[in-house]
Amino acid sequence: MSDADERDDLPEPPSHEDIDARLQDAKRRIEQARNKPKPPTKGNMDLDPETSRGTGLGLAAAYAIIGLPLAGALGGYFLDQQLGTKNVAALIGVLLGGILGVGHAMRLASRQK
Protein backbone atom coordinates (compact mmCIF):
# COMPACT_ATOMS: atom_id res chain seq x y z
CA MET A 1 0.00 0.00 0.00
CA SER A 2 1.44 3.37 -0.93
CA ASP A 3 1.33 6.73 0.85
CA ALA A 4 -1.22 7.99 -1.67
CA ASP A 5 -3.62 5.12 -0.86
CA GLU A 6 -3.34 5.83 2.87
CA ARG A 7 -4.14 9.50 2.37
CA ASP A 8 -7.29 8.60 0.44
CA ASP A 9 -8.63 6.71 3.47
CA LEU A 10 -8.27 9.70 5.82
CA PRO A 11 -11.36 11.81 6.48
CA GLU A 12 -11.48 15.38 5.25
CA PRO A 13 -10.24 17.89 7.81
CA PRO A 14 -12.95 20.15 9.22
CA SER A 15 -13.45 23.51 7.62
CA HIS A 16 -12.61 26.79 9.36
CA GLU A 17 -16.33 27.49 9.76
CA ASP A 18 -16.86 24.10 11.42
CA ILE A 19 -13.96 24.70 13.81
CA ASP A 20 -15.26 28.19 14.63
CA ALA A 21 -18.76 26.78 15.31
CA ARG A 22 -17.35 24.10 17.59
CA LEU A 23 -15.24 26.67 19.43
CA GLN A 24 -18.24 28.97 19.93
CA ASP A 25 -20.30 26.02 21.20
CA ALA A 26 -17.56 25.07 23.65
CA LYS A 27 -17.30 28.68 24.91
CA ARG A 28 -21.08 28.81 25.35
CA ARG A 29 -21.11 25.57 27.37
CA ILE A 30 -18.20 26.76 29.53
CA GLU A 31 -20.04 30.00 30.27
CA GLN A 32 -23.20 28.06 31.17
CA ALA A 33 -21.20 25.85 33.55
CA ARG A 34 -19.64 28.89 35.21
CA ASN A 35 -23.04 30.52 35.74
CA LYS A 36 -24.63 27.36 37.11
CA PRO A 37 -25.40 27.64 40.85
CA LYS A 38 -22.98 25.71 43.02
CA PRO A 39 -24.36 22.89 45.17
CA PRO A 40 -24.17 23.51 48.90
CA THR A 41 -21.01 22.37 50.57
CA LYS A 42 -20.13 22.15 54.21
CA GLY A 43 -18.62 25.60 54.10
CA ASN A 44 -21.58 27.44 52.57
CA MET A 45 -24.52 25.52 54.04
CA ASP A 46 -26.81 27.89 55.86
CA LEU A 47 -29.32 25.85 57.82
CA ASP A 48 -32.05 27.78 59.47
CA PRO A 49 -32.34 27.33 63.25
CA GLU A 50 -35.72 25.60 62.98
CA THR A 51 -34.29 22.85 60.75
CA SER A 52 -31.30 22.37 63.04
CA ARG A 53 -33.52 22.21 66.10
CA GLY A 54 -35.83 19.66 64.49
CA THR A 55 -32.93 17.49 63.44
CA GLY A 56 -31.49 17.58 66.94
CA LEU A 57 -34.80 16.66 68.57
CA GLY A 58 -35.35 13.83 66.10
CA LEU A 59 -31.93 12.36 66.74
CA ALA A 60 -32.35 12.68 70.51
CA ALA A 61 -35.68 10.83 70.30
CA ALA A 62 -34.17 8.07 68.15
CA TYR A 63 -31.26 7.63 70.53
CA ALA A 64 -33.65 7.42 73.49
CA ILE A 65 -35.88 4.83 71.82
CA ILE A 66 -32.91 2.67 70.88
CA GLY A 67 -30.46 3.38 73.69
CA LEU A 68 -32.60 3.07 76.79
CA PRO A 69 -33.84 -0.47 76.05
CA LEU A 70 -30.27 -1.50 75.23
CA ALA A 71 -29.01 -0.01 78.48
CA GLY A 72 -31.82 -1.77 80.37
CA ALA A 73 -30.96 -5.08 78.73
CA LEU A 74 -27.29 -4.66 79.56
CA GLY A 75 -27.99 -3.75 83.18
CA GLY A 76 -30.47 -6.61 83.48
CA TYR A 77 -27.97 -9.04 81.99
CA PHE A 78 -25.36 -8.15 84.60
CA LEU A 79 -27.98 -8.34 87.34
CA ASP A 80 -29.01 -11.79 86.06
CA GLN A 81 -25.37 -12.89 86.25
CA GLN A 82 -25.13 -11.76 89.89
CA LEU A 83 -28.46 -13.23 90.97
CA GLY A 84 -28.19 -16.42 88.95
CA THR A 85 -31.55 -15.88 87.24
CA LYS A 86 -32.21 -16.70 83.62
CA ASN A 87 -32.82 -13.45 81.68
CA VAL A 88 -35.60 -12.24 84.00
CA ALA A 89 -33.85 -8.99 84.90
CA ALA A 90 -32.74 -8.48 81.29
CA LEU A 91 -36.34 -8.77 80.09
CA ILE A 92 -37.53 -6.38 82.78
CA GLY A 93 -34.68 -4.00 81.82
CA VAL A 94 -35.65 -4.05 78.14
CA LEU A 95 -39.32 -3.41 78.93
CA LEU A 96 -38.54 -0.64 81.40
CA GLY A 97 -36.01 0.92 79.01
CA GLY A 98 -38.53 0.76 76.16
CA ILE A 99 -41.20 2.48 78.23
CA LEU A 100 -38.76 5.16 79.37
CA GLY A 101 -37.38 5.63 75.83
CA VAL A 102 -40.81 6.10 74.26
CA GLY A 103 -41.85 8.41 77.11
CA HIS A 104 -38.73 10.52 76.63
CA ALA A 105 -39.30 10.67 72.87
CA MET A 106 -42.90 11.80 73.40
CA ARG A 107 -41.70 14.51 75.80
CA LEU A 108 -39.20 15.70 73.19
CA ALA A 109 -41.86 15.73 70.48
CA SER A 110 -44.24 17.81 72.58
CA ARG A 111 -41.71 20.54 73.39
CA GLN A 112 -42.84 24.00 72.42
CA LYS A 113 -40.72 26.47 70.52
Foldseek 3Di string as FASTA:
>chain_A
DDPVVVVVPDDDDDDPVVVVVVVVVVVVVVVVVVPDDDDDDPVPDDDDPVVVLVVVLVVQLVCQQPVQLVVQLVVQVVVCVVVVHDSPSNVVSNVVSNVRSNVVSVVSVPDDD
